[in-house]
Amino acid sequence: MGIDYISIGNRIKEIRTAKGWTQAKLAEESGVEPSNISHIERAATKLSLPTLVNIANALGVTLDEIAYGSLVKSNHISVKMIDDILTDCSPEELKSLAEVIRTTKAVLRNK
């Protein structure tokens, strides 16, 4: 499995926008040129490990959260993503979502 720069760029953008940050703000916080942030998010350039570390530190996330789509062992990130989605759900919403997950899992396994 290779490095999925599109997925990495999408995750950086997703995390950045969830924080309400502009590309300029991320550039300032990470020490990366603003135009480079744009190129990274669009996968128009390959980013170096030091740049990836600077961006992860600025966003307050781990490298595996950013490189999620490129990692073979990433189940813990999937579980964290699901947990983050569910944190503000009511008990009724959780019950409904659990049923959706159960049904979806059954459908996927029956393919």
PDB file of N, CA and C in Angstrom:
ATOM      1  N   MET A   1       0.847  -1.183   0.000  1.00  0.00           N
ATOM      2  CA  MET A   1       0.000   0.000   0.000  1.00  0.00           C
ATOM      3  C   MET A   1       0.887   1.239   0.000  1.00  0.00           C
ATOM      4  N   GLY A   2       0.635   2.160  -0.908  1.00  0.00           N
ATOM      5  CA  GLY A   2       1.409   3.388  -1.000  1.00  0.00           C
ATOM      6  C   GLY A   2       0.806   4.499  -0.165  1.00  0.00           C
ATOM      7  N   ILE A   3       1.449   5.623  -0.223  1.00  0.00           N
ATOM      8  CA  ILE A   3       0.959   6.793   0.502  1.00  0.00           C
ATOM      9  C   ILE A   3      -0.139   7.446  -0.321  1.00  0.00           C
ATOM     10  N   ASP A   4      -1.280   7.623   0.284  1.00  0.00           N
ATOM     11  CA  ASP A   4      -2.439   8.211  -0.374  1.00  0.00           C
ATOM     12  C   ASP A   4      -2.451   9.716  -0.078  1.00  0.00           C
ATOM     13  N   TYR A   5      -1.782  10.484  -0.933  1.00  0.00           N
ATOM     14  CA  TYR A   5      -1.669  11.929  -0.708  1.00  0.00           C
ATOM     15  C   TYR A   5      -3.013  12.637  -0.808  1.00  0.00           C
ATOM     16  N   ILE A   6      -3.917  12.102  -1.589  1.00  0.00           N
ATOM     17  CA  ILE A   6      -5.262  12.686  -1.676  1.00  0.00           C
ATOM     18  C   ILE A   6      -5.973  12.557  -0.327  1.00  0.00           C
ATOM     19  N   SER A   7      -5.915  11.373   0.252  1.00  0.00           N
ATOM     20  CA  SER A   7      -6.532  11.147   1.554  1.00  0.00           C
ATOM     21  C   SER A   7      -5.886  12.004   2.635  1.00  0.00           C
ATOM     22  N   ILE A   8      -4.576  12.114   2.598  1.00  0.00           N
ATOM     23  CA  ILE A   8      -3.868  12.937   3.582  1.00  0.00           C
ATOM     24  C   ILE A   8      -4.302  14.400   3.448  1.00  0.00           C
ATOM     25  N   GLY A   9      -4.346  14.893   2.234  1.00  0.00           N
ATOM     26  CA  GLY A   9      -4.780  16.270   2.016  1.00  0.00           C
ATOM     27  C   GLY A   9      -6.211  16.500   2.478  1.00  0.00           C
ATOM     28  N   ASN A  10      -7.074  15.537   2.188  1.00  0.00           N
ATOM     29  CA  ASN A  10      -8.471  15.645   2.618  1.00  0.00           C
ATOM     30  C   ASN A  10      -8.593  15.648   4.134  1.00  0.00           C
ATOM     31  N   ARG A  11      -7.811  14.785   4.811  1.00  0.00           N
ATOM     32  CA  ARG A  11      -7.870  14.734   6.278  1.00  0.00           C
ATOM     33  C   ARG A  11      -7.360  16.041   6.883  1.00  0.00           C
ATOM     34  N   ILE A  12      -6.270  16.574   6.326  1.00  0.00           N
ATOM     35  CA  ILE A  12      -5.750  17.843   6.842  1.00  0.00           C
ATOM     36  C   ILE A  12      -6.809  18.932   6.691  1.00  0.00           C
ATOM     37  N   LYS A  13      -7.432  18.997   5.531  1.00  0.00           N
ATOM     38  CA  LYS A  13      -8.468  20.009   5.302  1.00  0.00           C
ATOM     39  C   LYS A  13      -9.655  19.799   6.241  1.00  0.00           C
ATOM     40  N   GLU A  14     -10.064  18.555   6.408  1.00  0.00           N
ATOM     41  CA  GLU A  14     -11.196  18.233   7.287  1.00  0.00           C
ATOM     42  C   GLU A  14     -10.911  18.656   8.727  1.00  0.00           C
ATOM     43  N   ILE A  15      -9.733  18.330   9.222  1.00  0.00           N
ATOM     44  CA  ILE A  15      -9.366  18.684  10.597  1.00  0.00           C
ATOM     45  C   ILE A  15      -9.224  20.199  10.729  1.00  0.00           C
ATOM     46  N   ARG A  16      -8.596  20.820   9.734  1.00  0.00           N
ATOM     47  CA  ARG A  16      -8.409  22.276   9.752  1.00  0.00           C
ATOM     48  C   ARG A  16      -9.753  23.004   9.786  1.00  0.00           C
ATOM     49  N   THR A  17     -10.671  22.599   8.912  1.00  0.00           N
ATOM     50  CA  THR A  17     -11.964  23.294   8.851  1.00  0.00           C
ATOM     51  C   THR A  17     -12.804  23.009  10.094  1.00  0.00           C
ATOM     52  N   ALA A  18     -12.658  21.822  10.687  1.00  0.00           N
ATOM     53  CA  ALA A  18     -13.372  21.517  11.929  1.00  0.00           C
ATOM     54  C   ALA A  18     -12.914  22.437  13.059  1.00  0.00           C
ATOM     55  N   LYS A  19     -11.665  22.873  12.997  1.00  0.00           N
ATOM     56  CA  LYS A  19     -11.143  23.815  13.991  1.00  0.00           C
ATOM     57  C   LYS A  19     -11.518  25.256  13.654  1.00  0.00           C
ATOM     58  N   GLY A  20     -12.110  25.456  12.472  1.00  0.00           N
ATOM     59  CA  GLY A  20     -12.468  26.801  12.046  1.00  0.00           C
ATOM     60  C   GLY A  20     -11.281  27.605  11.550  1.00  0.00           C
ATOM     61  N   TRP A  21     -10.228  26.908  11.155  1.00  0.00           N
ATOM     62  CA  TRP A  21      -9.013  27.567  10.696  1.00  0.00           C
ATOM     63  C   TRP A  21      -9.014  27.752   9.191  1.00  0.00           C
ATOM     64  N   THR A  22      -8.421  28.840   8.757  1.00  0.00           N
ATOM     65  CA  THR A  22      -8.158  29.053   7.338  1.00  0.00           C
ATOM     66  C   THR A  22      -6.827  28.369   7.004  1.00  0.00           C
ATOM     67  N   GLN A  23      -6.544  28.286   5.713  1.00  0.00           N
ATOM     68  CA  GLN A  23      -5.242  27.762   5.310  1.00  0.00           C
ATOM     69  C   GLN A  23      -4.127  28.670   5.836  1.00  0.00           C
ATOM     70  N   ALA A  24      -4.386  29.964   5.860  1.00  0.00           N
ATOM     71  CA  ALA A  24      -3.384  30.916   6.363  1.00  0.00           C
ATOM     72  C   ALA A  24      -3.095  30.679   7.847  1.00  0.00           C
ATOM     73  N   LYS A  25      -4.132  30.394   8.613  1.00  0.00           N
ATOM     74  CA  LYS A  25      -3.955  30.126  10.044  1.00  0.00           C
ATOM     75  C   LYS A  25      -3.131  28.852  10.244  1.00  0.00           C
ATOM     76  N   LEU A  26      -3.440  27.794   9.492  1.00  0.00           N
ATOM     77  CA  LEU A  26      -2.670  26.555   9.600  1.00  0.00           C
ATOM     78  C   LEU A  26      -1.222  26.801   9.188  1.00  0.00           C
ATOM     79  N   ALA A  27      -1.021  27.574   8.145  1.00  0.00           N
ATOM     80  CA  ALA A  27       0.335  27.895   7.694  1.00  0.00           C
ATOM     81  C   ALA A  27       1.107  28.618   8.800  1.00  0.00           C
ATOM     82  N   GLU A  28       0.461  29.573   9.418  1.00  0.00           N
ATOM     83  CA  GLU A  28       1.092  30.337  10.497  1.00  0.00           C
ATOM     84  C   GLU A  28       1.449  29.431  11.674  1.00  0.00           C
ATOM     85  N   GLU A  29       0.517  28.579  12.067  1.00  0.00           N
ATOM     86  CA  GLU A  29       0.717  27.703  13.225  1.00  0.00           C
ATOM     87  C   GLU A  29       1.746  26.603  12.968  1.00  0.00           C
ATOM     88  N   SER A  30       1.862  26.166  11.721  1.00  0.00           N
ATOM     89  CA  SER A  30       2.747  25.042  11.397  1.00  0.00           C
ATOM     90  C   SER A  30       4.089  25.467  10.819  1.00  0.00           C
ATOM     91  N   GLY A  31       4.201  26.742  10.440  1.00  0.00           N
ATOM     92  CA  GLY A  31       5.437  27.208   9.834  1.00  0.00           C
ATOM     93  C   GLY A  31       5.594  26.771   8.386  1.00  0.00           C
ATOM     94  N   VAL A  32       4.483  26.442   7.762  1.00  0.00           N
ATOM     95  CA  VAL A  32       4.476  26.017   6.357  1.00  0.00           C
ATOM     96  C   VAL A  32       3.925  27.171   5.527  1.00  0.00           C
ATOM     97  N   GLU A  33       4.468  27.365   4.339  1.00  0.00           N
ATOM     98  CA  GLU A  33       3.995  28.436   3.463  1.00  0.00           C
ATOM     99  C   GLU A  33       2.506  28.246   3.147  1.00  0.00           C
ATOM    100  N   PRO A  34       1.715  29.320   3.149  1.00  0.00           N
ATOM    101  CA  PRO A  34       0.282  29.203   2.852  1.00  0.00           C
ATOM    102  C   PRO A  34      -0.008  28.526   1.513  1.00  0.00           C
ATOM    103  N   SER A  35       0.771  28.836   0.497  1.00  0.00           N
ATOM    104  CA  SER A  35       0.529  28.200  -0.802  1.00  0.00           C
ATOM    105  C   SER A  35       0.807  26.701  -0.731  1.00  0.00           C
ATOM    106  N   ASN A  36       1.740  26.307   0.117  1.00  0.00           N
ATOM    107  CA  ASN A  36       2.051  24.892   0.278  1.00  0.00           C
ATOM    108  C   ASN A  36       0.895  24.148   0.956  1.00  0.00           C
ATOM    109  N   ILE A  37       0.213  24.798   1.895  1.00  0.00           N
ATOM    110  CA  ILE A  37      -0.954  24.176   2.538  1.00  0.00           C
ATOM    111  C   ILE A  37      -2.001  23.878   1.468  1.00  0.00           C
ATOM    112  N   SER A  38      -2.240  24.813   0.593  1.00  0.00           N
ATOM    113  CA  SER A  38      -3.199  24.605  -0.491  1.00  0.00           C
ATOM    114  C   SER A  38      -2.781  23.430  -1.365  1.00  0.00           C
ATOM    115  N   HIS A  39      -1.516  23.388  -1.731  1.00  0.00           N
ATOM    116  CA  HIS A  39      -1.019  22.291  -2.573  1.00  0.00           C
ATOM    117  C   HIS A  39      -1.146  20.940  -1.866  1.00  0.00           C
ATOM    118  N   ILE A  40      -0.869  20.908  -0.568  1.00  0.00           N
ATOM    119  CA  ILE A  40      -0.970  19.665   0.210  1.00  0.00           C
ATOM    120  C   ILE A  40      -2.418  19.201   0.260  1.00  0.00           C
ATOM    121  N   GLU A  41      -3.328  20.112   0.553  1.00  0.00           N
ATOM    122  CA  GLU A  41      -4.738  19.727   0.663  1.00  0.00           C
ATOM    123  C   GLU A  41      -5.311  19.235  -0.667  1.00  0.00           C
ATOM    124  N   ARG A  42      -4.787  19.725  -1.768  1.00  0.00           N
ATOM    125  CA  ARG A  42      -5.252  19.296  -3.089  1.00  0.00           C
ATOM    126  C   ARG A  42      -4.428  18.129  -3.642  1.00  0.00           C
ATOM    127  N   ALA A  43      -3.463  17.656  -2.854  1.00  0.00           N
ATOM    128  CA  ALA A  43      -2.554  16.586  -3.269  1.00  0.00           C
ATOM    129  C   ALA A  43      -1.783  16.958  -4.529  1.00  0.00           C
ATOM    130  N   ALA A  44      -1.512  18.254  -4.685  1.00  0.00           N
ATOM    131  CA  ALA A  44      -0.748  18.729  -5.838  1.00  0.00           C
ATOM    132  C   ALA A  44       0.751  18.640  -5.580  1.00  0.00           C
ATOM    133  N   THR A  45       1.111  18.299  -4.341  1.00  0.00           N
ATOM    134  CA  THR A  45       2.512  18.142  -3.972  1.00  0.00           C
ATOM    135  C   THR A  45       2.624  17.048  -2.925  1.00  0.00           C
ATOM    136  N   LYS A  46       3.765  16.404  -2.891  1.00  0.00           N
ATOM    137  CA  LYS A  46       4.046  15.416  -1.850  1.00  0.00           C
ATOM    138  C   LYS A  46       4.669  16.155  -0.683  1.00  0.00           C
ATOM    139  N   LEU A  47       4.198  15.860   0.516  1.00  0.00           N
ATOM    140  CA  LEU A  47       4.751  16.563   1.654  1.00  0.00           C
ATOM    141  C   LEU A  47       5.814  15.716   2.339  1.00  0.00           C
ATOM    142  N   SER A  48       6.788  16.379   2.922  1.00  0.00           N
ATOM    143  CA  SER A  48       7.871  15.698   3.624  1.00  0.00           C
ATOM    144  C   SER A  48       7.414  15.323   5.025  1.00  0.00           C
ATOM    145  N   LEU A  49       8.158  14.422   5.639  1.00  0.00           N
ATOM    146  CA  LEU A  49       7.837  14.025   7.008  1.00  0.00           C
ATOM    147  C   LEU A  49       7.912  15.208   7.973  1.00  0.00           C
ATOM    148  N   PRO A  50       8.952  16.055   7.904  1.00  0.00           N
ATOM    149  CA  PRO A  50       8.965  17.221   8.801  1.00  0.00           C
ATOM    150  C   PRO A  50       7.745  18.125   8.617  1.00  0.00           C
ATOM    151  N   THR A  51       7.304  18.319   7.383  1.00  0.00           N
ATOM    152  CA  THR A  51       6.118  19.147   7.127  1.00  0.00           C
ATOM    153  C   THR A  51       4.887  18.485   7.717  1.00  0.00           C
ATOM    154  N   LEU A  52       4.762  17.172   7.521  1.00  0.00           N
ATOM    155  CA  LEU A  52       3.627  16.437   8.075  1.00  0.00           C
ATOM    156  C   LEU A  52       3.603  16.531   9.599  1.00  0.00           C
ATOM    157  N   VAL A  53       4.762  16.398  10.228  1.00  0.00           N
ATOM    158  CA  VAL A  53       4.853  16.507  11.691  1.00  0.00           C
ATOM    159  C   VAL A  53       4.462  17.909  12.139  1.00  0.00           C
ATOM    160  N   ASN A  54       4.948  18.933  11.454  1.00  0.00           N
ATOM    161  CA  ASN A  54       4.601  20.315  11.822  1.00  0.00           C
ATOM    162  C   ASN A  54       3.102  20.556  11.710  1.00  0.00           C
ATOM    163  N   ILE A  55       2.489  20.041  10.658  1.00  0.00           N
ATOM    164  CA  ILE A  55       1.049  20.216  10.469  1.00  0.00           C
ATOM    165  C   ILE A  55       0.275  19.459  11.552  1.00  0.00           C
ATOM    166  N   ALA A  56       0.677  18.218  11.824  1.00  0.00           N
ATOM    167  CA  ALA A  56      -0.001  17.427  12.858  1.00  0.00           C
ATOM    168  C   ALA A  56       0.100  18.124  14.219  1.00  0.00           C
ATOM    169  N   ASN A  57       1.285  18.604  14.552  1.00  0.00           N
ATOM    170  CA  ASN A  57       1.457  19.303  15.828  1.00  0.00           C
ATOM    171  C   ASN A  57       0.606  20.563  15.896  1.00  0.00           C
ATOM    172  N   ALA A  58       0.564  21.317  14.801  1.00  0.00           N
ATOM    173  CA  ALA A  58      -0.245  22.537  14.771  1.00  0.00           C
ATOM    174  C   ALA A  58      -1.729  22.218  14.957  1.00  0.00           C
ATOM    175  N   LEU A  59      -2.184  21.146  14.331  1.00  0.00           N
ATOM    176  CA  LEU A  59      -3.600  20.764  14.425  1.00  0.00           C
ATOM    177  C   LEU A  59      -3.933  20.028  15.719  1.00  0.00           C
ATOM    178  N   GLY A  60      -2.908  19.588  16.439  1.00  0.00           N
ATOM    179  CA  GLY A  60      -3.134  18.868  17.691  1.00  0.00           C
ATOM    180  C   GLY A  60      -3.620  17.442  17.483  1.00  0.00           C
ATOM    181  N   VAL A  61      -3.147  16.820  16.413  1.00  0.00           N
ATOM    182  CA  VAL A  61      -3.536  15.437  16.113  1.00  0.00           C
ATOM    183  C   VAL A  61      -2.283  14.586  15.928  1.00  0.00           C
ATOM    184  N   THR A  62      -2.485  13.283  15.863  1.00  0.00           N
ATOM    185  CA  THR A  62      -1.369  12.371  15.645  1.00  0.00           C
ATOM    186  C   THR A  62      -1.154  12.159  14.151  1.00  0.00           C
ATOM    187  N   LEU A  63       0.023  11.677  13.805  1.00  0.00           N
ATOM    188  CA  LEU A  63       0.322  11.390  12.402  1.00  0.00           C
ATOM    189  C   LEU A  63      -0.625  10.346  11.838  1.00  0.00           C
ATOM    190  N   ASP A  64      -0.969   9.348  12.648  1.00  0.00           N
ATOM    191  CA  ASP A  64      -1.856   8.305  12.128  1.00  0.00           C
ATOM    192  C   ASP A  64      -3.259   8.824  11.865  1.00  0.00           C
ATOM    193  N   GLU A  65      -3.678   9.863  12.556  1.00  0.00           N
ATOM    194  CA  GLU A  65      -4.981  10.450  12.257  1.00  0.00           C
ATOM    195  C   GLU A  65      -4.971  11.116  10.886  1.00  0.00           C
ATOM    196  N   ILE A  66      -3.835  11.704  10.515  1.00  0.00           N
ATOM    197  CA  ILE A  66      -3.724  12.355   9.213  1.00  0.00           C
ATOM    198  C   ILE A  66      -3.502  11.321   8.114  1.00  0.00           C
ATOM    199  N   ALA A  67      -2.663  10.329   8.375  1.00  0.00           N
ATOM    200  CA  ALA A  67      -2.294   9.338   7.353  1.00  0.00           C
ATOM    201  C   ALA A  67      -3.244   8.144   7.344  1.00  0.00           C
ATOM    202  N   TYR A  68      -4.371   8.269   7.989  1.00  0.00           N
ATOM    203  CA  TYR A  68      -5.358   7.200   8.165  1.00  0.00           C
ATOM    204  C   TYR A  68      -5.593   6.355   6.911  1.00  0.00           C
ATOM    205  N   GLY A  69      -5.781   6.977   5.770  1.00  0.00           N
ATOM    206  CA  GLY A  69      -6.085   6.243   4.545  1.00  0.00           C
ATOM    207  C   GLY A  69      -4.906   5.485   3.966  1.00  0.00           C
ATOM    208  N   SER A  70      -3.702   5.754   4.472  1.00  0.00           N
ATOM    209  CA  SER A  70      -2.502   5.107   3.948  1.00  0.00           C
ATOM    210  C   SER A  70      -1.973   4.007   4.862  1.00  0.00           C
ATOM    211  N   LEU A  71      -2.601   3.831   6.009  1.00  0.00           N
ATOM    212  CA  LEU A  71      -2.101   2.873   6.992  1.00  0.00           C
ATOM    213  C   LEU A  71      -2.875   1.565   6.958  1.00  0.00           C
ATOM    214  N   VAL A  72      -2.137   0.464   7.023  1.00  0.00           N
ATOM    215  CA  VAL A  72      -2.779  -0.848   7.063  1.00  0.00           C
ATOM    216  C   VAL A  72      -3.415  -1.068   8.433  1.00  0.00           C
ATOM    217  N   LYS A  73      -2.695  -0.731   9.487  1.00  0.00           N
ATOM    218  CA  LYS A  73      -3.206  -0.906  10.850  1.00  0.00           C
ATOM    219  C   LYS A  73      -3.796   0.413  11.324  1.00  0.00           C
ATOM    220  N   SER A  74      -5.065   0.609  11.062  1.00  0.00           N
ATOM    221  CA  SER A  74      -5.695   1.878  11.421  1.00  0.00           C
ATOM    222  C   SER A  74      -7.049   1.701  12.101  1.00  0.00           C
ATOM    223  N   ASN A  75      -7.335   0.497  12.581  1.00  0.00           N
ATOM    224  CA  ASN A  75      -8.628   0.256  13.221  1.00  0.00           C
ATOM    225  C   ASN A  75      -8.876   1.202  14.386  1.00  0.00           C
ATOM    226  N   HIS A  76      -7.831   1.499  15.165  1.00  0.00           N
ATOM    227  CA  HIS A  76      -8.011   2.380  16.315  1.00  0.00           C
ATOM    228  C   HIS A  76      -8.450   3.782  15.888  1.00  0.00           C
ATOM    229  N   ILE A  77      -8.039   4.220  14.712  1.00  0.00           N
ATOM    230  CA  ILE A  77      -8.463   5.527  14.214  1.00  0.00           C
ATOM    231  C   ILE A  77      -9.935   5.466  13.815  1.00  0.00           C
ATOM    232  N   SER A  78     -10.342   4.375  13.182  1.00  0.00           N
ATOM    233  CA  SER A  78     -11.754   4.215  12.813  1.00  0.00           C
ATOM    234  C   SER A  78     -12.628   4.242  14.050  1.00  0.00           C
ATOM    235  N   VAL A  79     -12.212   3.551  15.086  1.00  0.00           N
ATOM    236  CA  VAL A  79     -12.983   3.519  16.332  1.00  0.00           C
ATOM    237  C   VAL A  79     -13.048   4.915  16.949  1.00  0.00           C
ATOM    238  N   LYS A  80     -11.925   5.641  16.918  1.00  0.00           N
ATOM    239  CA  LYS A  80     -11.922   7.005  17.462  1.00  0.00           C
ATOM    240  C   LYS A  80     -12.843   7.912  16.650  1.00  0.00           C
ATOM    241  N   MET A  81     -12.835   7.772  15.328  1.00  0.00           N
ATOM    242  CA  MET A  81     -13.701   8.590  14.481  1.00  0.00           C
ATOM    243  C   MET A  81     -15.170   8.331  14.815  1.00  0.00           C
ATOM    244  N   ILE A  82     -15.523   7.063  14.975  1.00  0.00           N
ATOM    245  CA  ILE A  82     -16.902   6.711  15.331  1.00  0.00           C
ATOM    246  C   ILE A  82     -17.243   7.273  16.706  1.00  0.00           C
ATOM    247  N   ASP A  83     -16.325   7.134  17.655  1.00  0.00           N
ATOM    248  CA  ASP A  83     -16.553   7.653  19.001  1.00  0.00           C
ATOM    249  C   ASP A  83     -16.761   9.167  18.975  1.00  0.00           C
ATOM    250  N   ASP A  84     -15.960   9.881  18.183  1.00  0.00           N
ATOM    251  CA  ASP A  84     -16.114  11.338  18.069  1.00  0.00           C
ATOM    252  C   ASP A  84     -17.488  11.714  17.511  1.00  0.00           C
ATOM    253  N   ILE A  85     -17.958  10.932  16.544  1.00  0.00           N
ATOM    254  CA  ILE A  85     -19.274  11.194  15.947  1.00  0.00           C
ATOM    255  C   ILE A  85     -20.388  10.988  16.971  1.00  0.00           C
ATOM    256  N   LEU A  86     -20.207  10.007  17.849  1.00  0.00           N
ATOM    257  CA  LEU A  86     -21.266   9.618  18.769  1.00  0.00           C
ATOM    258  C   LEU A  86     -21.285  10.390  20.087  1.00  0.00           C
ATOM    259  N   THR A  87     -20.272  11.187  20.364  1.00  0.00           N
ATOM    260  CA  THR A  87     -20.139  11.799  21.686  1.00  0.00           C
ATOM    261  C   THR A  87     -21.326  12.656  22.115  1.00  0.00           C
ATOM    262  N   ASP A  88     -21.989  13.307  21.188  1.00  0.00           N
ATOM    263  CA  ASP A  88     -23.083  14.203  21.581  1.00  0.00           C
ATOM    264  C   ASP A  88     -24.464  13.620  21.287  1.00  0.00           C
ATOM    265  N   CYS A  89     -24.524  12.313  21.059  1.00  0.00           N
ATOM    266  CA  CYS A  89     -25.811  11.676  20.738  1.00  0.00           C
ATOM    267  C   CYS A  89     -26.615  11.356  21.990  1.00  0.00           C
ATOM    268  N   SER A  90     -27.919  11.450  21.844  1.00  0.00           N
ATOM    269  CA  SER A  90     -28.822  11.052  22.930  1.00  0.00           C
ATOM    270  C   SER A  90     -28.885   9.521  22.978  1.00  0.00           C
ATOM    271  N   PRO A  91     -29.401   8.965  24.056  1.00  0.00           N
ATOM    272  CA  PRO A  91     -29.531   7.502  24.127  1.00  0.00           C
ATOM    273  C   PRO A  91     -30.368   6.929  22.972  1.00  0.00           C
ATOM    274  N   GLU A  92     -31.402   7.651  22.575  1.00  0.00           N
ATOM    275  CA  GLU A  92     -32.243   7.181  21.469  1.00  0.00           C
ATOM    276  C   GLU A  92     -31.467   7.192  20.149  1.00  0.00           C
ATOM    277  N   GLU A  93     -30.686   8.261  19.934  1.00  0.00           N
ATOM    278  CA  GLU A  93     -29.869   8.335  18.724  1.00  0.00           C
ATOM    279  C   GLU A  93     -28.824   7.217  18.700  1.00  0.00           C
ATOM    280  N   LEU A  94     -28.203   6.962  19.840  1.00  0.00           N
ATOM    281  CA  LEU A  94     -27.211   5.887  19.916  1.00  0.00           C
ATOM    282  C   LEU A  94     -27.822   4.540  19.577  1.00  0.00           C
ATOM    283  N   LYS A  95     -29.017   4.286  20.090  1.00  0.00           N
ATOM    284  CA  LYS A  95     -29.692   3.015  19.809  1.00  0.00           C
ATOM    285  C   LYS A  95     -29.978   2.894  18.311  1.00  0.00           C
ATOM    286  N   SER A  96     -30.467   3.962  17.697  1.00  0.00           N
ATOM    287  CA  SER A  96     -30.758   3.950  16.260  1.00  0.00           C
ATOM    288  C   SER A  96     -29.483   3.769  15.442  1.00  0.00           C
ATOM    289  N   LEU A  97     -28.431   4.476  15.803  1.00  0.00           N
ATOM    290  CA  LEU A  97     -27.170   4.363  15.077  1.00  0.00           C
ATOM    291  C   LEU A  97     -26.546   2.981  15.242  1.00  0.00           C
ATOM    292  N   ALA A  98     -26.693   2.398  16.410  1.00  0.00           N
ATOM    293  CA  ALA A  98     -26.186   1.036  16.621  1.00  0.00           C
ATOM    294  C   ALA A  98     -26.887   0.068  15.673  1.00  0.00           C
ATOM    295  N   GLU A  99     -28.175   0.247  15.479  1.00  0.00           N
ATOM    296  CA  GLU A  99     -28.919  -0.617  14.560  1.00  0.00           C
ATOM    297  C   GLU A  99     -28.479  -0.390  13.110  1.00  0.00           C
ATOM    298  N   VAL A 100     -28.231   0.863  12.759  1.00  0.00           N
ATOM    299  CA  VAL A 100     -27.739   1.164  11.408  1.00  0.00           C
ATOM    300  C   VAL A 100     -26.389   0.484  11.183  1.00  0.00           C
ATOM    301  N   ILE A 101     -25.502   0.559  12.164  1.00  0.00           N
ATOM    302  CA  ILE A 101     -24.187  -0.071  12.049  1.00  0.00           C
ATOM    303  C   ILE A 101     -24.329  -1.588  11.934  1.00  0.00           C
ATOM    304  N   ARG A 102     -25.170  -2.162  12.766  1.00  0.00           N
ATOM    305  CA  ARG A 102     -25.397  -3.614  12.745  1.00  0.00           C
ATOM    306  C   ARG A 102     -25.918  -4.048  11.370  1.00  0.00           C
ATOM    307  N   THR A 103     -26.882  -3.330  10.840  1.00  0.00           N
ATOM    308  CA  THR A 103     -27.462  -3.655   9.542  1.00  0.00           C
ATOM    309  C   THR A 103     -26.443  -3.474   8.427  1.00  0.00           C
ATOM    310  N   THR A 104     -25.709  -2.380   8.451  1.00  0.00           N
ATOM    311  CA  THR A 104     -24.695  -2.115   7.442  1.00  0.00           C
ATOM    312  C   THR A 104     -23.623  -3.195   7.454  1.00  0.00           C
ATOM    313  N   LYS A 105     -23.198  -3.588   8.626  1.00  0.00           N
ATOM    314  CA  LYS A 105     -22.199  -4.649   8.762  1.00  0.00           C
ATOM    315  C   LYS A 105     -22.704  -5.951   8.135  1.00  0.00           C
ATOM    316  N   ALA A 106     -23.951  -6.287   8.409  1.00  0.00           N
ATOM    317  CA  ALA A 106     -24.535  -7.518   7.838  1.00  0.00           C
ATOM    318  C   ALA A 106     -24.577  -7.443   6.310  1.00  0.00           C
ATOM    319  N   VAL A 107     -24.959  -6.292   5.776  1.00  0.00           N
ATOM    320  CA  VAL A 107     -25.012  -6.109   4.320  1.00  0.00           C
ATOM    321  C   VAL A 107     -23.618  -6.247   3.716  1.00  0.00           C
ATOM    322  N   LEU A 108     -22.619  -5.614   4.344  1.00  0.00           N
ATOM    323  CA  LEU A 108     -21.252  -5.684   3.823  1.00  0.00           C
ATOM    324  C   LEU A 108     -20.706  -7.100   3.848  1.00  0.00           C
ATOM    325  N   ARG A 109     -21.042  -7.851   4.855  1.00  0.00           N
ATOM    326  CA  ARG A 109     -20.529  -9.221   4.961  1.00  0.00           C
ATOM    327  C   ARG A 109     -21.262 -10.189   4.047  1.00  0.00           C
ATOM    328  N   ASN A 110     -22.437  -9.832   3.570  1.00  0.00           N
ATOM    329  CA  ASN A 110     -23.192 -10.702   2.687  1.00  0.00           C
ATOM    330  C   ASN A 110     -22.890 -10.450   1.217  1.00  0.00           C
ATOM    331  N   LYS A 111     -21.985  -9.536   0.911  1.00  0.00           N
ATOM    332  CA  LYS A 111     -21.644  -9.243  -0.488  1.00  0.00           C
ATOM    333  C   LYS A 111     -20.880 -10.386  -1.095  1.00  0.00           C
TER     334      LYS A 111
END
